[in-house]
Amino acid sequence: MSNTTAAKTPWVESPDGYLDRTPVLQFAMTSVLFAFWAIASSLNDVLITQFKAVFELSDMQTAFVQSAFYAGYFIIAIPASLFIKKTSYKVGIMTGLAFFALGCFIFFPASRLVTYEVFLFAIFVEAIGLSFLETSADTYATLLGPKRLSTLRLNVAQTMNALGLLTGILLGKYLVFQDSNLHTEMEKLRATDPAKALEYGSDQLSRTLQPYMVVMAIMLLFIVLFAIVKFPKCRPQTKEGDVAKAKLGETLSYLGHNGRFWQGIAVQFIYIGAQTGIWSFTIRLALNISEQAGAPISDRDAANYMIISYIIFFAGRISASYLLSKFRETRVLAAYMIIGFLVLLGTAFIPGMAAVWLAVLVSLFLGPGWPTIYSRTLKTVEDRRHTETAGAIIVMALVGGAILPMAQGALSDATSMQFSFILPAIELLIVGLYFITEFKRDKYTPAQLKAMTEEGKIEN
């Protein structure tokens, strides 16, 4: 970067795209984006409960909500990365916000038509926007500052994800759910007055509009904010100072020979499948077990378990960010995942509401999962010309959230909702074992890395 350009901005871009310091406003705005896709994700958990009752779906069929959601990520991630390459991270973010707003808007005709497929289409369009946002923001957050702090920076940004999850479930609890058990109410009405059951179901689906109206307004506001604030490009450069580029075929060939990159993709696929399955079925688990105990709770009361889950998840993310600044990330992740596995074994086998509370508790150990796997996998791509496409492929691993919860739903239909939690338990165990095998790759603690950087022994 030339001295003239550097003088105009409070940051300096290094040849590999990282900044010498973190611009606070730009990093804060990028971090808020992490809350947006979390809001959408936790509203999906609300929709699953709502759709099961109104459309008379099996547990496996309700998982199509997550399939539509994560299929959008999978299909659009590579095109989004190519778009970002030709434009910028900022334009990619604004495009994502626009598609997200459009998806929210489609909930209006969906609620009028009372058709499951139209709702799934709205969720798919929403996910197209979120794919642009994640493909942009996940990678961008790692670049907005010194390279040695990229994983920590992504974990800090991801704390907004936990707040977004909490916001989404609160919107669902108070704007969508009522103080009753919708499944029980619909069954009673279908037995006595089918026409009234149809009308009541339609009225309940119309309630899903309210949170999406709020979200759509926020998206439009952020489009304006991103349009007026200056953001760094964070592009790798050639020796001549030009932006370094690589064609898609060249990138895929480069990544094809990177075994560690694909291991990270596989682990991310498994991890996100476990996290999505746990959160998708916690409300259903609470409703099922309370009904079996002869003391059925309302949908709104069942949502409280997810509220507590997300509060615990936020606490887990904060504590993990601290631990990651002190200890090797492989040790922290291995410990979190193995403990999570043991907790979920209790969910699958311990009788009564204790199983639900264990499903809630496991969120404490999910905090550092996605961002640490993402950042660690992206670091295996040493040629920064391939960063955007590599980041997009990691985002594509979110398709695990479409496939593995369906498997959990099928297991629930074949056995029980409670026993189905054995599947995410096994998935967390696999992730934990992966990080144990990665122990030898972590040579230094964060404190040692900082000291060596200051002494000039390694690059920033």
Protein backbone atom coordinates (compact mmCIF):
# COMPACT_ATOMS: atom_id res chain seq x y z
CA MET A 1 0.00 0.00 0.00
CA SER A 2 1.32 3.45 -0.85
CA ASN A 3 2.04 6.07 1.81
CA THR A 4 -0.63 8.32 0.31
CA THR A 5 -3.31 5.67 0.72
CA ALA A 6 -2.11 4.70 4.18
CA ALA A 7 -2.30 8.34 5.33
CA LYS A 8 -5.99 8.47 4.55
CA THR A 9 -6.92 5.57 6.80
CA PRO A 10 -6.15 4.66 10.43
CA TRP A 11 -5.07 1.18 9.34
CA VAL A 12 -2.37 -0.28 7.10
CA GLU A 13 -3.01 -3.38 4.99
CA SER A 14 -0.21 -5.95 4.82
CA PRO A 15 0.50 -7.81 1.55
CA ASP A 16 -1.45 -10.87 2.78
CA GLY A 17 -4.60 -8.79 3.40
CA TYR A 18 -4.42 -8.50 7.20
CA LEU A 19 -4.43 -5.09 8.93
CA ASP A 20 -1.84 -3.75 11.35
CA ARG A 21 -4.61 -2.83 13.80
CA THR A 22 -8.34 -3.48 14.24
CA PRO A 23 -10.64 -0.60 13.17
CA VAL A 24 -13.19 -0.52 15.99
CA LEU A 25 -16.28 0.79 14.14
CA GLN A 26 -15.84 -1.47 11.12
CA PHE A 27 -15.14 -4.52 13.28
CA ALA A 28 -18.17 -3.75 15.48
CA MET A 29 -20.48 -3.43 12.45
CA THR A 30 -19.13 -6.65 10.99
CA SER A 31 -19.59 -8.40 14.33
CA VAL A 32 -23.27 -7.37 14.49
CA LEU A 33 -23.83 -9.35 11.27
CA PHE A 34 -23.10 -12.52 13.25
CA ALA A 35 -26.25 -11.80 15.27
CA PHE A 36 -28.40 -11.62 12.12
CA TRP A 37 -27.94 -15.19 10.90
CA ALA A 38 -28.26 -16.38 14.50
CA ILE A 39 -31.66 -14.67 14.77
CA ALA A 40 -32.77 -16.51 11.63
CA SER A 41 -31.41 -19.80 12.96
CA SER A 42 -33.18 -19.60 16.32
CA LEU A 43 -36.44 -18.53 14.66
CA ASN A 44 -36.17 -21.78 12.69
CA ASP A 45 -36.39 -23.65 16.01
CA VAL A 46 -39.65 -21.81 16.67
CA LEU A 47 -40.96 -22.55 13.16
CA ILE A 48 -40.24 -26.28 13.55
CA THR A 49 -42.54 -26.47 16.58
CA GLN A 50 -45.20 -24.34 14.85
CA PHE A 51 -45.12 -26.22 11.55
CA LYS A 52 -45.22 -29.67 13.17
CA ALA A 53 -48.52 -28.86 14.86
CA VAL A 54 -50.23 -27.02 11.98
CA PHE A 55 -49.08 -29.19 9.05
CA GLU A 56 -49.13 -32.54 10.95
CA LEU A 57 -45.48 -33.35 10.20
CA SER A 58 -43.20 -36.11 11.44
CA ASP A 59 -39.97 -35.17 13.22
CA MET A 60 -38.03 -35.96 10.06
CA GLN A 61 -40.33 -33.75 7.96
CA THR A 62 -39.91 -30.82 10.35
CA ALA A 63 -36.16 -31.04 9.74
CA PHE A 64 -36.85 -29.86 6.17
CA VAL A 65 -36.91 -26.36 7.69
CA GLN A 66 -33.21 -26.72 8.43
CA SER A 67 -32.67 -28.44 5.07
CA ALA A 68 -34.09 -25.45 3.17
CA PHE A 69 -32.09 -23.09 5.37
CA TYR A 70 -28.70 -24.76 4.99
CA ALA A 71 -29.27 -25.80 1.36
CA GLY A 72 -29.29 -22.07 0.55
CA TYR A 73 -25.88 -21.76 2.17
CA PHE A 74 -24.53 -24.77 0.28
CA ILE A 75 -25.74 -23.72 -3.17
CA ILE A 76 -24.85 -20.03 -2.97
CA ALA A 77 -21.55 -20.01 -1.05
CA ILE A 78 -19.25 -20.44 -4.10
CA PRO A 79 -21.17 -17.93 -6.31
CA ALA A 80 -21.11 -15.54 -3.34
CA SER A 81 -17.33 -15.90 -3.01
CA LEU A 82 -16.84 -15.20 -6.74
CA PHE A 83 -19.09 -12.15 -6.42
CA ILE A 84 -17.07 -10.92 -3.43
CA LYS A 85 -13.83 -11.43 -5.40
CA LYS A 86 -15.12 -9.24 -8.23
CA THR A 87 -16.51 -6.57 -5.88
CA SER A 88 -15.56 -6.38 -2.19
CA TYR A 89 -16.45 -7.74 1.23
CA LYS A 90 -18.58 -4.63 1.80
CA VAL A 91 -20.65 -5.14 -1.37
CA GLY A 92 -21.03 -8.83 -0.53
CA ILE A 93 -22.39 -7.90 2.89
CA MET A 94 -24.88 -5.40 1.44
CA THR A 95 -26.07 -7.99 -1.09
CA GLY A 96 -26.59 -10.50 1.72
CA LEU A 97 -28.62 -8.01 3.73
CA ALA A 98 -30.83 -7.33 0.69
CA PHE A 99 -31.57 -11.04 0.07
CA PHE A 100 -32.23 -11.58 3.77
CA ALA A 101 -34.78 -8.75 3.71
CA LEU A 102 -36.40 -10.29 0.61
CA GLY A 103 -36.72 -13.66 2.33
CA CYS A 104 -38.42 -12.00 5.28
CA PHE A 105 -40.83 -10.28 2.88
CA ILE A 106 -41.84 -13.62 1.29
CA PHE A 107 -43.23 -14.68 4.68
CA PHE A 108 -46.16 -12.35 3.92
CA PRO A 109 -47.57 -14.38 0.98
CA ALA A 110 -46.51 -17.63 2.70
CA SER A 111 -48.71 -16.86 5.70
CA ARG A 112 -51.65 -16.12 3.39
CA LEU A 113 -51.28 -19.28 1.32
CA VAL A 114 -50.81 -21.51 4.40
CA THR A 115 -48.53 -23.86 2.44
CA TYR A 116 -45.48 -25.54 3.96
CA GLU A 117 -43.58 -25.41 0.65
CA VAL A 118 -43.94 -21.61 0.34
CA PHE A 119 -42.57 -21.16 3.85
CA LEU A 120 -39.62 -23.39 2.91
CA PHE A 121 -39.02 -21.22 -0.17
CA ALA A 122 -39.02 -18.07 1.98
CA ILE A 123 -36.47 -19.69 4.30
CA PHE A 124 -34.36 -20.70 1.29
CA VAL A 125 -34.27 -17.12 -0.08
CA GLU A 126 -33.43 -15.85 3.39
CA ALA A 127 -30.54 -18.34 3.48
CA ILE A 128 -29.20 -17.05 0.15
CA GLY A 129 -28.71 -13.69 1.84
CA LEU A 130 -27.20 -15.30 4.91
CA SER A 131 -24.77 -17.24 2.73
CA PHE A 132 -23.50 -13.93 1.32
CA LEU A 133 -23.24 -12.56 4.87
CA GLU A 134 -21.37 -15.52 6.32
CA THR A 135 -19.07 -15.94 3.31
CA SER A 136 -18.18 -12.27 3.69
CA ALA A 137 -18.18 -11.73 7.45
CA ASP A 138 -16.53 -14.94 8.69
CA THR A 139 -13.45 -14.35 6.55
CA TYR A 140 -13.55 -10.54 6.86
CA ALA A 141 -13.55 -10.67 10.68
CA THR A 142 -10.36 -12.74 10.64
CA LEU A 143 -8.67 -10.14 8.40
CA LEU A 144 -9.66 -7.00 10.33
CA GLY A 145 -6.48 -6.85 12.41
CA PRO A 146 -3.17 -8.64 13.06
CA LYS A 147 -2.90 -12.19 11.74
CA ARG A 148 -1.83 -13.73 15.06
CA LEU A 149 -5.16 -12.70 16.64
CA SER A 150 -7.41 -13.92 13.80
CA THR A 151 -8.94 -16.86 15.72
CA LEU A 152 -9.50 -14.75 18.84
CA ARG A 153 -11.04 -11.97 16.73
CA LEU A 154 -13.49 -14.39 15.11
CA ASN A 155 -14.47 -15.80 18.51
CA VAL A 156 -15.08 -12.25 19.81
CA ALA A 157 -17.26 -11.48 16.77
CA GLN A 158 -19.12 -14.73 17.32
CA THR A 159 -20.26 -13.56 20.77
CA MET A 160 -22.82 -11.53 18.80
CA ASN A 161 -24.02 -14.83 17.37
CA ALA A 162 -25.04 -15.92 20.86
CA LEU A 163 -26.91 -12.65 21.45
CA GLY A 164 -28.65 -13.12 18.10
CA LEU A 165 -29.79 -16.60 19.07
CA LEU A 166 -31.25 -15.22 22.28
CA THR A 167 -32.97 -12.37 20.42
CA GLY A 168 -34.51 -14.76 17.90
CA ILE A 169 -35.98 -17.10 20.51
CA LEU A 170 -37.38 -14.16 22.50
CA LEU A 171 -39.06 -12.82 19.34
CA GLY A 172 -40.49 -16.30 18.78
CA LYS A 173 -41.67 -16.72 22.35
CA TYR A 174 -43.54 -13.43 22.59
CA LEU A 175 -44.58 -12.77 18.97
CA VAL A 176 -45.25 -16.32 17.68
CA PHE A 177 -45.94 -18.72 20.57
CA GLN A 178 -49.01 -18.41 22.78
CA ASP A 179 -49.67 -19.56 26.34
CA SER A 180 -50.92 -22.96 25.17
CA ASN A 181 -49.70 -26.18 23.62
CA LEU A 182 -50.44 -25.71 19.91
CA HIS A 183 -50.03 -29.41 19.13
CA THR A 184 -52.63 -30.36 21.76
CA GLU A 185 -55.03 -27.58 20.68
CA MET A 186 -54.82 -28.60 17.02
CA GLU A 187 -55.47 -32.26 17.84
CA LYS A 188 -58.60 -31.35 19.83
CA LEU A 189 -59.96 -29.14 17.07
CA ARG A 190 -59.24 -31.70 14.32
CA ALA A 191 -61.25 -34.27 16.31
CA THR A 192 -64.23 -31.97 16.87
CA ASP A 193 -64.28 -29.30 14.13
CA PRO A 194 -61.83 -29.74 11.21
CA ALA A 195 -62.87 -26.44 9.58
CA LYS A 196 -62.16 -24.53 12.76
CA ALA A 197 -58.85 -26.38 13.11
CA LEU A 198 -57.84 -25.12 9.65
CA GLU A 199 -58.81 -21.55 10.55
CA TYR A 200 -56.99 -21.72 13.88
CA GLY A 201 -53.86 -23.14 12.22
CA SER A 202 -53.91 -20.35 9.63
CA ASP A 203 -54.16 -17.76 12.40
CA GLN A 204 -51.18 -19.29 14.21
CA LEU A 205 -49.08 -19.23 11.04
CA SER A 206 -49.90 -15.54 10.49
CA ARG A 207 -48.21 -14.86 13.83
CA THR A 208 -44.87 -15.84 12.26
CA LEU A 209 -45.00 -12.57 10.28
CA GLN A 210 -44.36 -10.35 13.28
CA PRO A 211 -40.71 -11.21 14.05
CA TYR A 212 -39.84 -11.18 10.34
CA MET A 213 -41.28 -7.69 9.95
CA VAL A 214 -38.91 -6.51 12.70
CA VAL A 215 -35.93 -8.29 11.11
CA MET A 216 -36.70 -6.88 7.65
CA ALA A 217 -36.70 -3.30 8.99
CA ILE A 218 -33.32 -3.87 10.67
CA MET A 219 -31.83 -5.28 7.44
CA LEU A 220 -32.86 -2.18 5.48
CA LEU A 221 -31.31 0.06 8.14
CA PHE A 222 -27.98 -1.79 8.00
CA ILE A 223 -27.85 -1.60 4.20
CA VAL A 224 -27.85 2.19 4.58
CA LEU A 225 -25.21 2.11 7.35
CA PHE A 226 -22.82 -0.08 5.34
CA ALA A 227 -23.31 2.15 2.31
CA ILE A 228 -22.05 5.26 4.13
CA VAL A 229 -19.16 3.84 6.25
CA LYS A 230 -15.70 3.31 4.69
CA PHE A 231 -14.29 -0.23 5.05
CA PRO A 232 -10.81 -1.65 4.33
CA LYS A 233 -10.50 -3.94 1.31
CA CYS A 234 -8.34 -6.58 3.07
CA ARG A 235 -7.07 -7.99 -0.22
CA PRO A 236 -3.76 -9.85 -0.70
CA GLN A 237 -1.37 -7.89 -2.96
CA THR A 238 1.38 -8.61 -5.42
CA LYS A 239 4.87 -7.12 -4.99
CA GLU A 240 3.82 -4.33 -7.35
CA GLY A 241 0.93 -3.41 -5.02
CA ASP A 242 -1.87 -4.80 -7.22
CA VAL A 243 -4.60 -7.02 -5.79
CA ALA A 244 -3.53 -10.66 -6.19
CA LYS A 245 -6.13 -12.81 -7.92
CA ALA A 246 -6.63 -16.46 -8.80
CA LYS A 247 -9.17 -18.13 -11.08
CA LEU A 248 -11.68 -20.61 -9.62
CA GLY A 249 -10.04 -23.60 -11.32
CA GLU A 250 -6.64 -22.62 -9.95
CA THR A 251 -8.08 -22.25 -6.45
CA LEU A 252 -9.85 -25.61 -6.55
CA SER A 253 -6.66 -27.27 -7.79
CA TYR A 254 -4.69 -25.66 -4.96
CA LEU A 255 -7.25 -26.67 -2.32
CA GLY A 256 -7.55 -30.16 -3.77
CA HIS A 257 -4.01 -30.90 -2.60
CA ASN A 258 -4.58 -29.51 0.89
CA GLY A 259 -5.55 -32.51 3.02
CA ARG A 260 -5.78 -30.54 6.28
CA PHE A 261 -8.24 -28.11 4.67
CA TRP A 262 -10.62 -30.94 3.76
CA GLN A 263 -10.29 -32.49 7.20
CA GLY A 264 -11.43 -29.16 8.62
CA ILE A 265 -14.38 -29.12 6.20
CA ALA A 266 -15.46 -32.60 7.33
CA VAL A 267 -15.18 -31.64 11.02
CA GLN A 268 -17.16 -28.44 10.43
CA PHE A 269 -19.87 -30.47 8.64
CA ILE A 270 -20.17 -32.82 11.62
CA TYR A 271 -20.01 -30.06 14.23
CA ILE A 272 -22.72 -27.87 12.70
CA GLY A 273 -24.93 -30.95 12.25
CA ALA A 274 -24.63 -31.67 15.98
CA GLN A 275 -25.30 -28.07 17.04
CA THR A 276 -28.29 -27.69 14.72
CA GLY A 277 -29.79 -31.02 15.80
CA ILE A 278 -29.48 -30.18 19.49
CA TRP A 279 -31.14 -26.78 19.15
CA SER A 280 -33.76 -27.90 16.60
CA PHE A 281 -35.20 -30.53 18.90
CA THR A 282 -34.75 -29.13 22.43
CA ILE A 283 -38.22 -27.50 22.45
CA ARG A 284 -39.74 -30.70 21.10
CA LEU A 285 -37.87 -32.72 23.74
CA ALA A 286 -39.26 -30.51 26.52
CA LEU A 287 -42.82 -30.83 25.17
CA ASN A 288 -42.52 -34.62 24.76
CA ILE A 289 -41.02 -35.39 28.16
CA SER A 290 -43.42 -33.08 30.03
CA GLU A 291 -46.34 -34.75 28.26
CA GLN A 292 -45.03 -38.21 29.13
CA ALA A 293 -44.73 -37.10 32.76
CA GLY A 294 -48.42 -36.14 32.77
CA ALA A 295 -47.73 -32.43 33.21
CA PRO A 296 -47.67 -30.98 29.66
CA ILE A 297 -46.22 -27.48 29.33
CA SER A 298 -47.16 -24.72 26.87
CA ASP A 299 -45.15 -23.84 23.78
CA ARG A 300 -44.18 -20.55 25.42
CA ASP A 301 -42.92 -22.36 28.54
CA ALA A 302 -40.97 -24.82 26.38
CA ALA A 303 -39.27 -21.86 24.66
CA ASN A 304 -37.78 -20.94 28.05
CA TYR A 305 -35.43 -23.92 27.75
CA MET A 306 -34.01 -22.47 24.54
CA ILE A 307 -33.70 -19.02 26.11
CA ILE A 308 -31.62 -20.53 28.91
CA SER A 309 -29.66 -22.57 26.33
CA TYR A 310 -28.67 -19.44 24.46
CA ILE A 311 -27.75 -17.57 27.65
CA ILE A 312 -25.52 -20.50 28.59
CA PHE A 313 -24.14 -20.58 25.04
CA PHE A 314 -23.24 -16.89 25.34
CA ALA A 315 -21.47 -17.56 28.65
CA GLY A 316 -19.64 -20.47 27.05
CA ARG A 317 -18.50 -18.32 24.14
CA ILE A 318 -17.20 -15.58 26.47
CA SER A 319 -15.34 -18.08 28.65
CA ALA A 320 -13.95 -19.83 25.57
CA SER A 321 -12.66 -16.53 24.14
CA TYR A 322 -10.76 -15.99 27.39
CA LEU A 323 -9.39 -19.55 27.45
CA LEU A 324 -8.34 -19.31 23.80
CA SER A 325 -6.29 -16.22 24.64
CA LYS A 326 -4.40 -18.23 27.29
CA PHE A 327 -4.25 -21.83 26.12
CA ARG A 328 -3.76 -23.75 22.89
CA GLU A 329 -6.98 -23.86 20.89
CA THR A 330 -6.71 -27.62 20.28
CA ARG A 331 -6.75 -28.26 24.05
CA VAL A 332 -9.71 -25.97 24.64
CA LEU A 333 -11.79 -27.43 21.80
CA ALA A 334 -10.97 -31.05 22.63
CA ALA A 335 -12.02 -30.53 26.26
CA TYR A 336 -15.23 -28.70 25.34
CA MET A 337 -16.33 -31.31 22.79
CA ILE A 338 -15.58 -34.35 24.99
CA ILE A 339 -17.48 -32.83 27.93
CA GLY A 340 -20.34 -32.00 25.55
CA PHE A 341 -20.41 -35.64 24.45
CA LEU A 342 -20.72 -36.84 28.07
CA VAL A 343 -23.51 -34.34 28.81
CA LEU A 344 -25.52 -35.48 25.77
CA LEU A 345 -25.19 -39.10 26.85
CA GLY A 346 -27.16 -38.02 29.91
CA THR A 347 -29.78 -36.39 27.67
CA ALA A 348 -30.22 -39.62 25.75
CA PHE A 349 -30.48 -41.96 28.75
CA ILE A 350 -31.45 -40.15 31.98
CA PRO A 351 -35.25 -40.17 32.52
CA GLY A 352 -37.47 -37.18 33.23
CA MET A 353 -36.92 -33.45 32.83
CA ALA A 354 -33.27 -33.86 33.88
CA ALA A 355 -32.65 -34.95 30.28
CA VAL A 356 -33.98 -31.60 29.04
CA TRP A 357 -31.75 -29.66 31.43
CA LEU A 358 -28.73 -31.60 30.19
CA ALA A 359 -29.69 -30.71 26.60
CA VAL A 360 -29.70 -27.09 27.78
CA LEU A 361 -26.38 -27.41 29.61
CA VAL A 362 -24.52 -28.76 26.57
CA SER A 363 -24.76 -25.31 24.94
CA LEU A 364 -22.05 -24.16 27.37
CA PHE A 365 -19.58 -26.32 25.44
CA LEU A 366 -20.69 -25.38 21.92
CA GLY A 367 -19.45 -21.78 22.14
CA PRO A 368 -16.02 -22.02 20.48
CA GLY A 369 -16.93 -24.75 17.97
CA TRP A 370 -17.81 -23.07 14.67
CA PRO A 371 -15.47 -20.02 14.79
CA THR A 372 -12.40 -21.97 15.91
CA ILE A 373 -12.87 -24.72 13.32
CA TYR A 374 -13.48 -22.05 10.66
CA SER A 375 -10.42 -19.97 11.52
CA ARG A 376 -8.17 -23.00 11.95
CA THR A 377 -9.28 -24.44 8.60
CA LEU A 378 -8.81 -21.11 6.82
CA LYS A 379 -5.28 -20.84 8.20
CA THR A 380 -4.32 -23.97 6.26
CA VAL A 381 -4.72 -21.87 3.08
CA GLU A 382 -1.31 -20.19 2.99
CA ASP A 383 -1.80 -18.62 -0.46
CA ARG A 384 -4.14 -15.73 0.40
CA ARG A 385 -5.33 -15.40 -3.21
CA HIS A 386 -7.63 -18.32 -2.44
CA THR A 387 -9.07 -16.92 0.79
CA GLU A 388 -12.59 -15.97 -0.40
CA THR A 389 -13.26 -19.27 -2.17
CA ALA A 390 -11.76 -21.30 0.68
CA GLY A 391 -13.95 -19.40 3.15
CA ALA A 392 -17.00 -20.10 0.95
CA ILE A 393 -16.27 -23.83 0.92
CA ILE A 394 -16.03 -23.81 4.71
CA VAL A 395 -19.42 -22.06 4.80
CA MET A 396 -20.76 -24.79 2.50
CA ALA A 397 -19.99 -27.23 5.31
CA LEU A 398 -23.09 -25.76 6.97
CA VAL A 399 -25.01 -28.25 4.82
CA GLY A 400 -24.31 -30.59 7.74
CA GLY A 401 -27.10 -28.65 9.45
CA ALA A 402 -29.44 -29.79 6.68
CA ILE A 403 -28.48 -33.46 6.58
CA LEU A 404 -27.62 -34.60 10.10
CA PRO A 405 -30.73 -33.16 11.86
CA MET A 406 -32.83 -35.06 9.29
CA ALA A 407 -31.04 -38.22 10.38
CA GLN A 408 -31.76 -37.31 13.99
CA GLY A 409 -35.42 -36.71 13.12
CA ALA A 410 -35.61 -40.12 11.42
CA LEU A 411 -34.02 -41.71 14.48
CA SER A 412 -36.59 -39.96 16.67
CA ASP A 413 -39.47 -41.24 14.53
CA ALA A 414 -38.05 -44.78 14.76
CA THR A 415 -37.25 -44.71 18.50
CA SER A 416 -37.91 -41.63 20.64
CA MET A 417 -37.04 -37.95 20.66
CA GLN A 418 -34.91 -38.44 23.77
CA PHE A 419 -32.84 -41.31 22.37
CA SER A 420 -32.23 -39.39 19.13
CA PHE A 421 -29.83 -37.13 21.06
CA ILE A 422 -27.32 -39.98 20.97
CA LEU A 423 -26.54 -38.91 17.38
CA PRO A 424 -25.27 -35.37 18.18
CA ALA A 425 -23.44 -36.87 21.14
CA ILE A 426 -21.45 -39.12 18.82
CA GLU A 427 -20.86 -36.20 16.47
CA LEU A 428 -19.34 -34.07 19.26
CA LEU A 429 -17.13 -37.01 20.22
CA ILE A 430 -15.78 -37.17 16.65
CA VAL A 431 -14.99 -33.43 16.71
CA GLY A 432 -13.27 -33.81 20.07
CA LEU A 433 -11.12 -36.69 18.80
CA TYR A 434 -10.13 -34.60 15.77
CA PHE A 435 -8.77 -31.84 18.01
CA ILE A 436 -6.89 -34.40 20.09
CA THR A 437 -5.13 -35.55 16.88
CA GLU A 438 -4.31 -31.87 16.18
CA PHE A 439 -2.44 -31.42 19.50
CA LYS A 440 0.97 -31.74 17.87
CA ARG A 441 0.26 -28.90 15.41
CA ASP A 442 -0.07 -26.35 18.22
CA LYS A 443 3.52 -25.58 19.12
CA TYR A 444 2.92 -22.37 21.03
CA THR A 445 0.39 -20.85 23.42
CA PRO A 446 -1.15 -17.45 22.49
CA ALA A 447 1.13 -15.75 25.05
CA GLN A 448 4.23 -17.34 23.48
CA LEU A 449 3.09 -16.29 19.99
CA LYS A 450 2.64 -12.70 21.16
CA ALA A 451 6.07 -12.61 22.76
CA MET A 452 7.74 -14.09 19.67
CA THR A 453 5.94 -11.59 17.43
CA GLU A 454 7.12 -8.67 19.54
CA GLU A 455 10.68 -10.03 19.40
CA GLY A 456 10.44 -10.29 15.61
CA LYS A 457 10.97 -14.06 15.58
CA ILE A 458 7.75 -14.64 13.63
CA GLU A 459 5.59 -12.43 11.40
CA ASN A 460 2.45 -10.75 12.67
